[in-house]
Amino acid sequence: MPENMLLYAPDPYGVGASRFAVVEGGSTQEISIQHLGELEGTWITYDVATLIDELRRCGVRPPRGLIDISEAIRLVTGRSRAEGGERQWDFWRRLKSHFDDETKWRLARELHEGRGPSWQEIDASNYFASLAGALTTLWAATTKSLEESGELQRFFEIEVPTAAIYHSRQWEGIGVATDKVRAALETAAHRKYLAYQHVARIINASPTGLNYWNVRPYLAGTDIGDALSSFDGYTLRDQLRLARSASKFAASFTEYMDASRDVEILNRLNDSGGRVYPTFHPIGTISSRTLVSDPYLQELRRAFRHVVSPDEGKRLVYFDYSQFEPGVMASLSGDEELISLYNNGDVYKALSAELFGSSDQRDLCKRIFLAFSYGMSVDGITRLLSNDEAERESMGSRVRDFFNRFPRLHEFRMGAERELWKLGRVRTLLGNRRVRSGQGVLTAKERRWSTSQIIQGNASLIFKHALVRIADKFDLPSILLPVHDAVLMQCFEHDYEDLAADVSEIMRSSFAFWCPGIEARVTVGQFGTH
């Protein structure tokens, strides 16, 4: 395992006064920021996002071999934020027990957060030596835990090289067409205002400050209140989005939430000066999906994505897995009927034809398919789709008939629940466990995520495996942004045809590598609608 360490204390004033040290061959030595840019090989460090911002301000490119110990800790923890995972994967909390003196730990944390004493008041050599010792023993304990939990291979073969892609992009930044941002912001603000008015009329109150986590007290007087089966923020969001076609409140409130996020992101882009430097979270969710923040570019709706621009002389290319999760389900369940439907057609269109007599409701049926697959009952789904009882019964019958065609999909879901109950965890084809916090009979929430963790965790594995191979072939600067199951890239015009063909094949073959028998489809097109 790599044992070289990179230590640092950020400059709280942003004037280039950061301090750096390396641990190499067992000795600790303070180095200049210019020397840091010349480091080769692998270096264990922490809070890489802050480090990269420091280096960019000083014009120093980060070493390619950075490993953020925080990501390893997160993978070991195996718990979501909602289950207290954030406290368990907190780097400074973990580091505390590896100091021989709590006072030294407190000093290290305060210096890192820009609220400690000045460097003239401390012995820098002793400070870095103490921090080096603690980080070294924490790394040893973390790698041992990775190995014992079956996460070591995934961390080094998938997560570390994926993170290197994001480190490079955070340093390089992403271009923004400021003239397009201003026009998009005007449109988004207008949509938000209209949605605000609609919600306000329905709940007879201002929706300012409301979100999926605190809107519950206002639901009883709406046309959706009785149809909801759960009020957890994430679940409530999914239910309201599913109910948009039947509920005026659901349609208005979800539009208000989406438009509010669009405005937030576009305001951030409007102040960017033509380039933003997002923070990438390689293991951003419990299923190891990547999240991007400040700004949240992944969440910008398609109508406004045209504000993202390539580097000079290049064009954008967007690669997206089609029907990603049904393909993963089909392979892991081994259901021949679902495999055949995926390989020869469109699962969501087939469900749309079953329910509505045409493929026009594909987007809605995508939500229905995933809701059912992740544990929502047929009755729960149909309550969100219609206010008419007879229509609900008819629709419920057709939903059941559709899913009854895939008996092994049901067996797969039951198998995931049994695994969680017996072993206390579920995992993907390569690590990425999720561990339950309780014991005994599974809760409804645990039954739902037992399946979603396996499906979405494997989707993340496949996507990251493809991304690493893409970076190996086309190098890091070609990759701009991961967007759920898709990747935004850039290339010169004369390279477009070769890139489109090669990246599509890489993505298809990565899918087939982990999910044999699946003939994945990759769409190639524009990032936005303009």
Protein backbone atom coordinates (compact mmCIF):
# COMPACT_ATOMS: atom_id res chain seq x y z
CA MET A 1 0.00 0.00 0.00
CA PRO A 2 1.24 3.55 -0.73
CA GLU A 3 2.65 5.26 2.36
CA ASN A 4 3.79 8.67 1.11
CA MET A 5 1.79 11.40 2.84
CA LEU A 6 0.99 14.97 1.83
CA LEU A 7 0.12 17.29 4.72
CA TYR A 8 -1.11 20.83 4.46
CA ALA A 9 -2.75 23.72 6.24
CA PRO A 10 -4.78 26.02 3.95
CA ASP A 11 -4.23 29.75 3.94
CA PRO A 12 -7.41 31.26 5.46
CA TYR A 13 -6.79 34.60 3.69
CA GLY A 14 -6.15 33.26 0.19
CA VAL A 15 -2.85 35.07 -0.28
CA GLY A 16 -0.61 32.06 -0.91
CA ALA A 17 0.50 31.47 2.68
CA SER A 18 -0.50 27.79 2.85
CA ARG A 19 1.99 25.38 4.45
CA PHE A 20 2.83 21.95 3.04
CA ALA A 21 4.86 18.96 4.17
CA VAL A 22 5.50 15.46 2.85
CA VAL A 23 6.19 12.18 4.58
CA GLU A 24 8.50 10.09 2.42
CA GLY A 25 10.60 7.16 3.55
CA GLY A 26 9.45 7.70 7.12
CA SER A 27 10.76 11.27 7.40
CA THR A 28 8.69 14.46 7.42
CA GLN A 29 9.83 17.55 5.55
CA GLU A 30 8.13 20.87 4.86
CA ILE A 31 8.13 21.82 1.16
CA SER A 32 7.16 24.79 -0.99
CA ILE A 33 4.00 24.84 -3.05
CA GLN A 34 6.09 24.87 -6.23
CA HIS A 35 7.84 21.66 -5.11
CA LEU A 36 4.43 20.13 -4.44
CA GLY A 37 3.53 20.52 -8.10
CA GLU A 38 6.55 18.37 -9.02
CA LEU A 39 5.59 15.38 -6.85
CA GLU A 40 5.23 12.07 -8.66
CA GLY A 41 3.72 8.79 -7.57
CA THR A 42 0.93 8.25 -5.05
CA TRP A 43 0.29 10.54 -2.08
CA ILE A 44 -2.17 10.03 0.76
CA THR A 45 -3.83 13.26 1.87
CA TYR A 46 -7.18 14.66 3.04
CA ASP A 47 -9.80 17.24 2.02
CA VAL A 48 -8.54 17.17 -1.56
CA ALA A 49 -11.20 19.61 -2.78
CA THR A 50 -9.78 22.36 -0.56
CA LEU A 51 -6.23 21.43 -1.54
CA ILE A 52 -7.00 21.73 -5.26
CA ASP A 53 -8.57 25.16 -4.78
CA GLU A 54 -5.42 26.26 -2.92
CA LEU A 55 -3.19 25.00 -5.71
CA ARG A 56 -5.25 26.65 -8.44
CA ARG A 57 -5.05 30.02 -6.73
CA CYS A 58 -1.28 29.65 -6.75
CA GLY A 59 -1.11 28.37 -10.34
CA VAL A 60 0.28 24.97 -9.33
CA ARG A 61 -1.18 21.85 -10.94
CA PRO A 62 -1.96 19.11 -8.39
CA PRO A 63 -0.05 15.83 -8.44
CA ARG A 64 -1.96 13.21 -10.39
CA GLY A 65 -1.55 10.55 -7.70
CA LEU A 66 -3.56 12.11 -4.86
CA ILE A 67 -5.61 9.76 -2.68
CA ASP A 68 -8.14 11.33 -0.33
CA ILE A 69 -8.28 9.19 2.81
CA SER A 70 -11.75 10.61 3.48
CA GLU A 71 -13.11 8.70 0.47
CA ALA A 72 -11.65 5.45 1.80
CA ILE A 73 -13.22 6.09 5.21
CA ARG A 74 -16.58 6.74 3.56
CA LEU A 75 -16.41 3.48 1.61
CA VAL A 76 -15.53 1.56 4.78
CA THR A 77 -18.39 3.09 6.76
CA GLY A 78 -21.17 1.68 4.56
CA ARG A 79 -23.87 3.95 5.96
CA SER A 80 -25.89 6.72 4.41
CA ARG A 81 -25.98 10.28 5.69
CA ALA A 82 -29.56 9.74 6.89
CA GLU A 83 -28.37 6.83 9.07
CA GLY A 84 -25.63 8.80 10.81
CA GLY A 85 -22.94 7.99 8.29
CA GLU A 86 -21.65 11.55 8.08
CA ARG A 87 -20.55 11.49 11.70
CA GLN A 88 -18.81 8.16 11.21
CA TRP A 89 -16.90 9.13 8.06
CA ASP A 90 -15.82 12.56 9.35
CA PHE A 91 -12.06 12.70 8.77
CA TRP A 92 -11.14 14.84 11.77
CA ARG A 93 -13.26 12.78 14.12
CA ARG A 94 -11.54 9.62 12.87
CA LEU A 95 -8.11 11.21 13.14
CA LYS A 96 -8.55 12.25 16.76
CA SER A 97 -7.79 8.86 18.34
CA HIS A 98 -4.50 8.62 16.40
CA PHE A 99 -2.92 11.59 18.18
CA ASP A 100 -1.16 10.94 21.48
CA ASP A 101 -2.43 14.28 22.75
CA GLU A 102 -5.86 15.79 22.12
CA THR A 103 -4.33 19.26 22.23
CA LYS A 104 -2.25 18.42 19.14
CA TRP A 105 -5.34 17.14 17.33
CA ARG A 106 -7.26 20.30 18.18
CA LEU A 107 -4.38 22.46 16.91
CA ALA A 108 -4.27 20.52 13.61
CA ARG A 109 -7.99 20.90 13.07
CA GLU A 110 -8.02 24.59 13.95
CA LEU A 111 -5.10 25.33 11.63
CA HIS A 112 -6.83 23.49 8.81
CA GLU A 113 -10.02 25.46 9.38
CA GLY A 114 -8.19 28.79 9.50
CA ARG A 115 -8.89 29.55 13.14
CA GLY A 116 -5.68 28.45 14.86
CA PRO A 117 -2.68 30.45 16.06
CA SER A 118 -0.21 32.05 13.66
CA TRP A 119 2.72 30.01 12.44
CA GLN A 120 5.05 32.29 14.39
CA GLU A 121 3.48 30.96 17.58
CA ILE A 122 4.05 27.24 16.93
CA ASP A 123 6.88 24.88 16.07
CA ALA A 124 6.04 23.91 12.48
CA SER A 125 8.41 20.92 12.45
CA ASN A 126 6.87 19.38 15.55
CA TYR A 127 3.39 20.21 14.30
CA PHE A 128 3.85 18.43 10.96
CA ALA A 129 5.63 15.47 12.62
CA SER A 130 2.71 14.99 15.00
CA LEU A 131 0.16 15.24 12.17
CA ALA A 132 2.22 12.84 10.04
CA GLY A 133 2.24 10.20 12.76
CA ALA A 134 -1.52 10.41 13.24
CA LEU A 135 -2.27 10.32 9.52
CA THR A 136 0.06 7.36 8.99
CA THR A 137 -1.63 5.23 11.65
CA LEU A 138 -5.10 6.27 10.46
CA TRP A 139 -4.19 5.23 6.92
CA ALA A 140 -2.93 1.85 8.17
CA ALA A 141 -6.16 1.29 10.09
CA THR A 142 -8.27 2.40 7.13
CA THR A 143 -6.57 0.12 4.61
CA LYS A 144 -6.95 -2.77 7.06
CA SER A 145 -10.67 -2.01 7.30
CA LEU A 146 -10.91 -1.78 3.49
CA GLU A 147 -9.38 -5.23 3.19
CA GLU A 148 -11.48 -6.80 5.94
CA SER A 149 -14.71 -5.39 4.52
CA GLY A 150 -13.96 -6.43 0.94
CA GLU A 151 -13.62 -2.83 -0.30
CA LEU A 152 -9.88 -2.68 -1.02
CA GLN A 153 -10.04 -3.72 -4.68
CA ARG A 154 -12.89 -1.36 -5.49
CA PHE A 155 -11.16 1.55 -3.79
CA PHE A 156 -7.88 1.25 -5.68
CA GLU A 157 -9.16 -0.03 -9.03
CA ILE A 158 -12.30 2.08 -9.37
CA GLU A 159 -12.59 4.93 -6.87
CA VAL A 160 -9.00 6.21 -6.88
CA PRO A 161 -8.60 6.52 -10.68
CA THR A 162 -12.10 8.00 -10.97
CA ALA A 163 -11.26 10.60 -8.35
CA ALA A 164 -8.14 11.55 -10.35
CA ILE A 165 -10.40 12.53 -13.25
CA TYR A 166 -12.44 14.80 -11.01
CA HIS A 167 -9.38 16.33 -9.34
CA SER A 168 -8.11 17.36 -12.75
CA ARG A 169 -11.45 18.85 -13.78
CA GLN A 170 -11.90 20.76 -10.53
CA TRP A 171 -8.52 22.38 -11.12
CA GLU A 172 -9.21 23.09 -14.81
CA GLY A 173 -12.78 24.27 -14.31
CA ILE A 174 -15.70 24.25 -16.76
CA GLY A 175 -16.53 26.96 -19.26
CA VAL A 176 -19.74 29.00 -19.07
CA ALA A 177 -21.36 31.09 -21.82
CA THR A 178 -22.23 34.17 -19.78
CA ASP A 179 -24.50 35.68 -22.44
CA LYS A 180 -26.58 32.49 -22.49
CA VAL A 181 -26.64 32.39 -18.69
CA ARG A 182 -28.34 35.76 -18.46
CA ALA A 183 -31.11 34.75 -20.86
CA ALA A 184 -31.54 31.38 -19.15
CA LEU A 185 -31.70 33.02 -15.74
CA GLU A 186 -34.51 35.30 -16.89
CA THR A 187 -36.49 32.29 -18.16
CA ALA A 188 -35.84 30.22 -15.04
CA ALA A 189 -36.81 33.09 -12.72
CA HIS A 190 -40.09 33.52 -14.62
CA ARG A 191 -40.85 29.81 -14.30
CA LYS A 192 -40.10 29.95 -10.59
CA TYR A 193 -42.42 32.94 -10.14
CA LEU A 194 -45.31 31.21 -11.93
CA ALA A 195 -44.82 28.03 -9.93
CA TYR A 196 -44.61 30.08 -6.72
CA GLN A 197 -47.98 31.64 -7.48
CA HIS A 198 -49.60 28.27 -8.20
CA VAL A 199 -48.32 26.71 -4.97
CA ALA A 200 -49.27 29.76 -2.90
CA ARG A 201 -52.86 29.62 -4.19
CA ILE A 202 -53.16 25.92 -3.39
CA ILE A 203 -51.77 26.04 0.16
CA ASN A 204 -52.98 29.57 0.88
CA ALA A 205 -49.54 30.52 2.17
CA SER A 206 -46.17 31.62 0.86
CA PRO A 207 -44.03 28.64 -0.20
CA THR A 208 -40.80 30.57 0.40
CA GLY A 209 -38.50 28.33 2.43
CA LEU A 210 -40.48 25.17 1.80
CA ASN A 211 -38.82 22.02 0.53
CA TYR A 212 -39.47 18.27 0.40
CA TRP A 213 -38.41 17.90 4.04
CA ASN A 214 -40.67 20.51 5.65
CA VAL A 215 -43.74 20.73 3.36
CA ARG A 216 -45.67 17.98 5.16
CA PRO A 217 -47.88 20.29 7.31
CA TYR A 218 -49.29 21.86 4.12
CA LEU A 219 -50.21 18.61 2.34
CA ALA A 220 -53.49 17.77 4.05
CA GLY A 221 -55.42 20.47 2.22
CA THR A 222 -54.11 19.56 -1.22
CA ASP A 223 -55.21 17.04 -3.85
CA ILE A 224 -52.29 14.74 -3.00
CA GLY A 225 -52.25 14.44 0.81
CA ASP A 226 -54.19 11.17 1.13
CA ALA A 227 -52.22 9.44 -1.62
CA LEU A 228 -48.79 9.73 -0.01
CA SER A 229 -47.37 6.69 1.74
CA SER A 230 -44.22 8.22 3.20
CA PHE A 231 -43.11 11.68 4.27
CA ASP A 232 -39.36 11.12 4.31
CA GLY A 233 -37.90 13.95 2.22
CA TYR A 234 -36.31 11.81 -0.49
CA THR A 235 -39.30 9.49 -0.77
CA LEU A 236 -41.74 12.40 -0.75
CA ARG A 237 -39.83 14.01 -3.60
CA ASP A 238 -40.08 10.83 -5.68
CA GLN A 239 -43.78 10.43 -4.92
CA LEU A 240 -44.61 14.01 -5.88
CA ARG A 241 -42.70 13.68 -9.12
CA LEU A 242 -44.59 10.51 -9.93
CA ALA A 243 -47.91 12.24 -9.18
CA ARG A 244 -47.38 15.28 -11.41
CA SER A 245 -49.78 14.12 -14.11
CA ALA A 246 -52.69 13.67 -11.67
CA SER A 247 -52.08 16.28 -8.97
CA LYS A 248 -52.00 20.05 -9.47
CA PHE A 249 -50.15 20.47 -6.21
CA ALA A 250 -47.52 17.86 -7.13
CA ALA A 251 -47.01 19.47 -10.55
CA SER A 252 -46.75 22.98 -9.12
CA PHE A 253 -44.58 22.15 -6.13
CA THR A 254 -42.07 20.00 -8.02
CA GLU A 255 -41.82 22.72 -10.68
CA TYR A 256 -41.24 25.29 -7.93
CA MET A 257 -38.48 23.14 -6.42
CA ASP A 258 -36.84 22.45 -9.81
CA ALA A 259 -37.08 26.07 -10.94
CA SER A 260 -35.67 27.27 -7.61
CA ARG A 261 -32.67 25.01 -8.07
CA ASP A 262 -32.24 26.22 -11.68
CA VAL A 263 -32.22 29.82 -10.49
CA GLU A 264 -29.72 29.01 -7.74
CA ILE A 265 -27.33 27.32 -10.15
CA LEU A 266 -27.70 29.96 -12.86
CA ASN A 267 -27.10 32.77 -10.37
CA ARG A 268 -23.88 31.03 -9.39
CA LEU A 269 -22.90 30.73 -13.07
CA ASN A 270 -23.82 34.37 -13.71
CA ASP A 271 -21.21 35.43 -11.16
CA SER A 272 -18.55 33.07 -12.48
CA GLY A 273 -16.76 35.31 -14.94
CA GLY A 274 -17.09 32.67 -17.64
CA ARG A 275 -15.66 29.69 -15.76
CA VAL A 276 -16.65 27.67 -12.68
CA TYR A 277 -14.62 25.27 -10.57
CA PRO A 278 -17.10 22.82 -9.05
CA THR A 279 -16.35 20.56 -6.12
CA PHE A 280 -16.54 16.90 -7.07
CA HIS A 281 -17.56 14.30 -4.48
CA PRO A 282 -16.43 10.95 -5.99
CA ILE A 283 -18.41 8.92 -3.45
CA GLY A 284 -21.20 11.41 -3.10
CA THR A 285 -23.91 8.93 -2.16
CA ILE A 286 -24.08 5.63 -0.31
CA SER A 287 -24.31 3.87 -3.69
CA SER A 288 -21.05 5.59 -4.73
CA ARG A 289 -22.64 7.92 -7.25
CA THR A 290 -20.64 11.07 -7.90
CA LEU A 291 -22.11 14.39 -6.83
CA VAL A 292 -21.01 17.83 -8.02
CA SER A 293 -21.55 20.95 -5.92
CA ASP A 294 -20.85 24.67 -5.97
CA PRO A 295 -22.49 24.83 -8.45
CA TYR A 296 -24.74 21.77 -8.68
CA LEU A 297 -24.30 21.40 -12.44
CA GLN A 298 -25.69 17.86 -12.51
CA GLU A 299 -29.06 19.15 -11.34
CA LEU A 300 -29.42 21.84 -13.97
CA ARG A 301 -32.41 20.88 -16.10
CA ARG A 302 -31.90 20.06 -19.74
CA ALA A 303 -33.54 23.29 -20.92
CA PHE A 304 -30.70 25.30 -19.38
CA ARG A 305 -27.69 23.05 -19.93
CA HIS A 306 -26.72 24.92 -23.10
CA VAL A 307 -25.03 27.51 -20.88
CA VAL A 308 -22.11 25.10 -20.37
CA SER A 309 -19.45 25.67 -23.00
CA PRO A 310 -16.38 23.71 -24.15
CA ASP A 311 -12.82 24.98 -24.11
CA GLU A 312 -11.73 27.07 -27.09
CA GLY A 313 -11.74 25.22 -30.40
CA LYS A 314 -13.67 22.25 -29.05
CA ARG A 315 -17.24 20.96 -29.05
CA LEU A 316 -19.34 19.22 -26.42
CA VAL A 317 -20.38 15.56 -26.74
CA TYR A 318 -22.85 13.90 -24.38
CA PHE A 319 -22.89 10.12 -23.88
CA ASP A 320 -25.81 8.57 -22.00
CA TYR A 321 -26.65 4.98 -21.08
CA SER A 322 -30.18 4.17 -22.23
CA GLN A 323 -32.39 2.34 -19.69
CA PHE A 324 -29.39 1.85 -17.44
CA GLU A 325 -31.06 0.53 -14.30
CA PRO A 326 -33.47 -1.90 -16.04
CA GLY A 327 -30.44 -3.33 -17.86
CA VAL A 328 -28.63 -3.89 -14.56
CA MET A 329 -31.78 -5.44 -13.06
CA ALA A 330 -32.22 -7.73 -16.03
CA SER A 331 -28.69 -9.06 -15.80
CA LEU A 332 -28.51 -9.48 -12.03
CA SER A 333 -31.92 -11.13 -11.82
CA GLY A 334 -31.23 -13.39 -14.79
CA ASP A 335 -34.81 -12.88 -15.99
CA GLU A 336 -34.74 -13.98 -19.62
CA GLU A 337 -37.92 -12.12 -20.54
CA LEU A 338 -36.60 -8.83 -19.16
CA ILE A 339 -33.21 -9.38 -20.79
CA SER A 340 -34.92 -9.98 -24.12
CA LEU A 341 -37.13 -6.92 -23.73
CA TYR A 342 -34.12 -4.76 -22.86
CA ASN A 343 -31.94 -6.07 -25.67
CA ASN A 344 -34.62 -5.82 -28.33
CA GLY A 345 -36.76 -2.89 -27.31
CA ASP A 346 -37.41 -0.18 -24.77
CA VAL A 347 -38.57 -1.25 -21.31
CA TYR A 348 -40.20 2.10 -20.49
CA LYS A 349 -42.00 2.32 -23.83
CA ALA A 350 -43.27 -1.24 -23.36
CA LEU A 351 -44.74 -0.29 -19.98
CA SER A 352 -46.24 2.85 -21.50
CA ALA A 353 -47.93 0.78 -24.21
CA GLU A 354 -49.27 -1.59 -21.54
CA LEU A 355 -50.70 1.21 -19.38
CA PHE A 356 -51.68 3.90 -21.87
CA GLY A 357 -51.89 2.18 -25.25
CA SER A 358 -48.94 4.10 -26.73
CA SER A 359 -45.31 4.93 -26.00
CA ASP A 360 -46.08 8.62 -25.40
CA GLN A 361 -45.85 8.29 -21.60
CA ARG A 362 -42.30 6.93 -21.56
CA ASP A 363 -40.98 9.45 -19.01
CA LEU A 364 -43.82 8.76 -16.60
CA CYS A 365 -43.42 5.02 -17.07
CA LYS A 366 -39.73 5.28 -16.28
CA ARG A 367 -40.73 6.62 -12.87
CA ILE A 368 -43.36 3.90 -12.47
CA PHE A 369 -40.91 1.14 -13.37
CA LEU A 370 -38.26 2.34 -10.93
CA ALA A 371 -40.77 3.05 -8.16
CA PHE A 372 -42.12 -0.49 -8.37
CA SER A 373 -38.67 -2.04 -8.72
CA TYR A 374 -37.47 -0.24 -5.60
CA GLY A 375 -40.33 -1.40 -3.46
CA MET A 376 -43.32 0.88 -3.89
CA SER A 377 -46.55 -1.13 -3.93
CA VAL A 378 -48.86 -1.12 -6.95
CA ASP A 379 -51.58 0.46 -4.82
CA GLY A 380 -49.14 3.14 -3.70
CA ILE A 381 -48.22 3.89 -7.30
CA THR A 382 -51.76 4.03 -8.65
CA ARG A 383 -52.92 6.31 -5.82
CA LEU A 384 -50.42 8.83 -7.16
CA LEU A 385 -51.46 8.38 -10.79
CA SER A 386 -55.22 8.86 -10.59
CA ASN A 387 -57.95 10.26 -8.38
CA ASP A 388 -60.54 7.89 -9.83
CA GLU A 389 -60.93 4.58 -8.00
CA ALA A 390 -62.04 2.58 -11.03
CA GLU A 391 -59.17 3.92 -13.08
CA ARG A 392 -56.77 3.04 -10.28
CA GLU A 393 -57.99 -0.54 -10.20
CA SER A 394 -57.68 -0.89 -13.96
CA MET A 395 -54.23 0.69 -14.01
CA GLY A 396 -53.10 -1.43 -11.06
CA SER A 397 -54.17 -4.59 -12.85
CA ARG A 398 -52.15 -3.61 -15.92
CA VAL A 399 -49.08 -2.76 -13.83
CA ARG A 400 -49.26 -6.17 -12.14
CA ASP A 401 -49.71 -7.93 -15.46
CA PHE A 402 -46.63 -6.17 -16.83
CA PHE A 403 -44.35 -7.07 -13.94
CA ASN A 404 -45.70 -10.61 -13.69
CA ARG A 405 -43.90 -11.21 -16.97
CA PHE A 406 -40.63 -11.01 -15.03
CA PRO A 407 -40.86 -13.54 -12.17
CA ARG A 408 -37.12 -13.63 -11.54
CA LEU A 409 -37.10 -9.87 -10.98
CA HIS A 410 -39.38 -10.46 -7.99
CA GLU A 411 -37.11 -13.28 -6.79
CA PHE A 412 -34.12 -10.96 -7.08
CA ARG A 413 -35.79 -8.35 -4.88
CA MET A 414 -36.70 -10.95 -2.28
CA GLY A 415 -33.14 -12.27 -2.38
CA ALA A 416 -31.76 -8.80 -1.67
CA GLU A 417 -34.03 -8.50 1.37
CA ARG A 418 -32.98 -11.93 2.67
CA GLU A 419 -29.32 -11.04 2.25
CA LEU A 420 -29.76 -7.83 4.21
CA TRP A 421 -31.67 -9.61 6.96
CA LYS A 422 -29.19 -12.51 7.29
CA LEU A 423 -25.89 -10.67 6.79
CA GLY A 424 -26.78 -7.17 7.89
CA ARG A 425 -25.57 -5.72 4.59
CA VAL A 426 -25.92 -5.86 0.83
CA ARG A 427 -23.16 -5.17 -1.68
CA THR A 428 -22.48 -4.83 -5.38
CA LEU A 429 -20.44 -7.04 -7.69
CA LEU A 430 -17.35 -5.27 -6.33
CA GLY A 431 -17.64 -3.95 -2.80
CA ASN A 432 -19.70 -0.83 -2.01
CA ARG A 433 -21.59 -2.35 0.90
CA ARG A 434 -24.49 -0.73 2.65
CA VAL A 435 -24.84 -1.80 6.27
CA ARG A 436 -28.10 -1.70 8.22
CA SER A 437 -28.10 0.12 11.53
CA GLY A 438 -30.75 -2.01 13.23
CA GLN A 439 -31.52 -5.70 13.78
CA GLY A 440 -34.48 -8.01 13.57
CA VAL A 441 -37.27 -7.62 11.02
CA LEU A 442 -36.45 -5.28 8.15
CA THR A 443 -38.23 -1.95 8.09
CA ALA A 444 -40.09 -0.86 4.96
CA LYS A 445 -37.30 1.62 4.28
CA GLU A 446 -34.64 -1.11 4.57
CA ARG A 447 -36.56 -3.38 2.21
CA ARG A 448 -36.59 -0.59 -0.35
CA TRP A 449 -32.91 0.22 -0.19
CA SER A 450 -31.80 -3.41 -0.11
CA THR A 451 -32.63 -3.52 -3.82
CA SER A 452 -31.76 0.06 -4.76
CA GLN A 453 -28.30 -0.20 -3.19
CA ILE A 454 -27.47 -3.23 -5.33
CA ILE A 455 -28.88 -1.77 -8.55
CA GLN A 456 -27.60 1.78 -8.19
CA GLY A 457 -24.31 0.65 -6.68
CA ASN A 458 -23.66 -1.62 -9.64
CA ALA A 459 -24.72 1.14 -12.03
CA SER A 460 -22.11 3.35 -10.38
CA LEU A 461 -19.52 0.59 -10.70
CA ILE A 462 -20.20 0.14 -14.41
CA PHE A 463 -20.19 3.87 -15.09
CA LYS A 464 -16.95 4.51 -13.21
CA HIS A 465 -15.28 1.51 -14.83
CA ALA A 466 -16.17 2.99 -18.22
CA LEU A 467 -15.05 6.46 -17.17
CA VAL A 468 -11.61 5.22 -16.11
CA ARG A 469 -11.18 3.45 -19.45
CA ILE A 470 -12.29 6.58 -21.32
CA ALA A 471 -9.73 8.66 -19.42
CA ASP A 472 -7.01 6.11 -20.18
CA LYS A 473 -7.71 6.41 -23.90
CA PHE A 474 -8.49 10.11 -24.27
CA ASP A 475 -6.77 11.57 -21.15
CA LEU A 476 -8.33 13.56 -18.33
CA PRO A 477 -9.04 16.93 -20.02
CA SER A 478 -11.52 15.29 -22.41
CA ILE A 479 -13.97 14.63 -19.53
CA LEU A 480 -15.97 17.59 -18.29
CA LEU A 481 -18.81 16.35 -16.13
CA PRO A 482 -20.53 13.15 -14.96
CA VAL A 483 -24.32 13.47 -15.06
CA HIS A 484 -25.92 10.49 -13.31
CA ASP A 485 -25.56 7.71 -15.93
CA ALA A 486 -24.02 9.97 -18.56
CA VAL A 487 -20.78 11.81 -19.21
CA LEU A 488 -20.21 15.17 -20.86
CA MET A 489 -17.00 15.33 -22.90
CA GLN A 490 -15.27 17.75 -25.23
CA CYS A 491 -13.17 17.22 -28.35
CA PHE A 492 -11.91 18.94 -31.46
CA GLU A 493 -14.35 18.86 -34.35
CA HIS A 494 -12.14 16.62 -36.47
CA ASP A 495 -11.96 14.06 -33.64
CA TYR A 496 -15.72 13.86 -33.11
CA GLU A 497 -16.53 10.78 -35.19
CA ASP A 498 -13.74 8.67 -33.70
CA LEU A 499 -14.51 9.84 -30.17
CA ALA A 500 -18.22 9.11 -30.53
CA ALA A 501 -17.57 5.60 -31.79
CA ASP A 502 -14.82 4.74 -29.30
CA VAL A 503 -16.52 6.12 -26.19
CA SER A 504 -19.80 4.42 -27.08
CA GLU A 505 -17.99 1.11 -27.47
CA ILE A 506 -16.12 1.55 -24.19
CA MET A 507 -19.37 2.23 -22.35
CA ARG A 508 -21.11 -0.75 -23.98
CA SER A 509 -18.23 -3.13 -23.24
CA SER A 510 -17.98 -1.98 -19.60
CA PHE A 511 -21.67 -2.75 -19.20
CA ALA A 512 -21.18 -6.18 -20.77
CA PHE A 513 -18.12 -6.85 -18.59
CA TRP A 514 -20.11 -6.53 -15.38
CA CYS A 515 -23.51 -7.59 -16.77
CA PRO A 516 -23.02 -10.39 -19.32
CA GLY A 517 -25.83 -10.91 -21.78
CA ILE A 518 -26.81 -7.26 -21.82
CA GLU A 519 -26.53 -5.41 -25.13
CA ALA A 520 -26.27 -1.90 -23.77
CA ARG A 521 -27.27 1.11 -25.82
CA VAL A 522 -25.49 4.44 -25.55
CA THR A 523 -27.00 7.60 -26.97
CA VAL A 524 -24.73 10.33 -28.31
CA GLY A 525 -26.03 13.86 -28.59
CA GLN A 526 -26.28 17.37 -27.23
CA PHE A 527 -26.00 18.21 -23.55
CA GLY A 528 -28.94 20.65 -23.62
CA THR A 529 -31.94 21.39 -25.79
CA HIS A 530 -30.55 24.43 -27.64
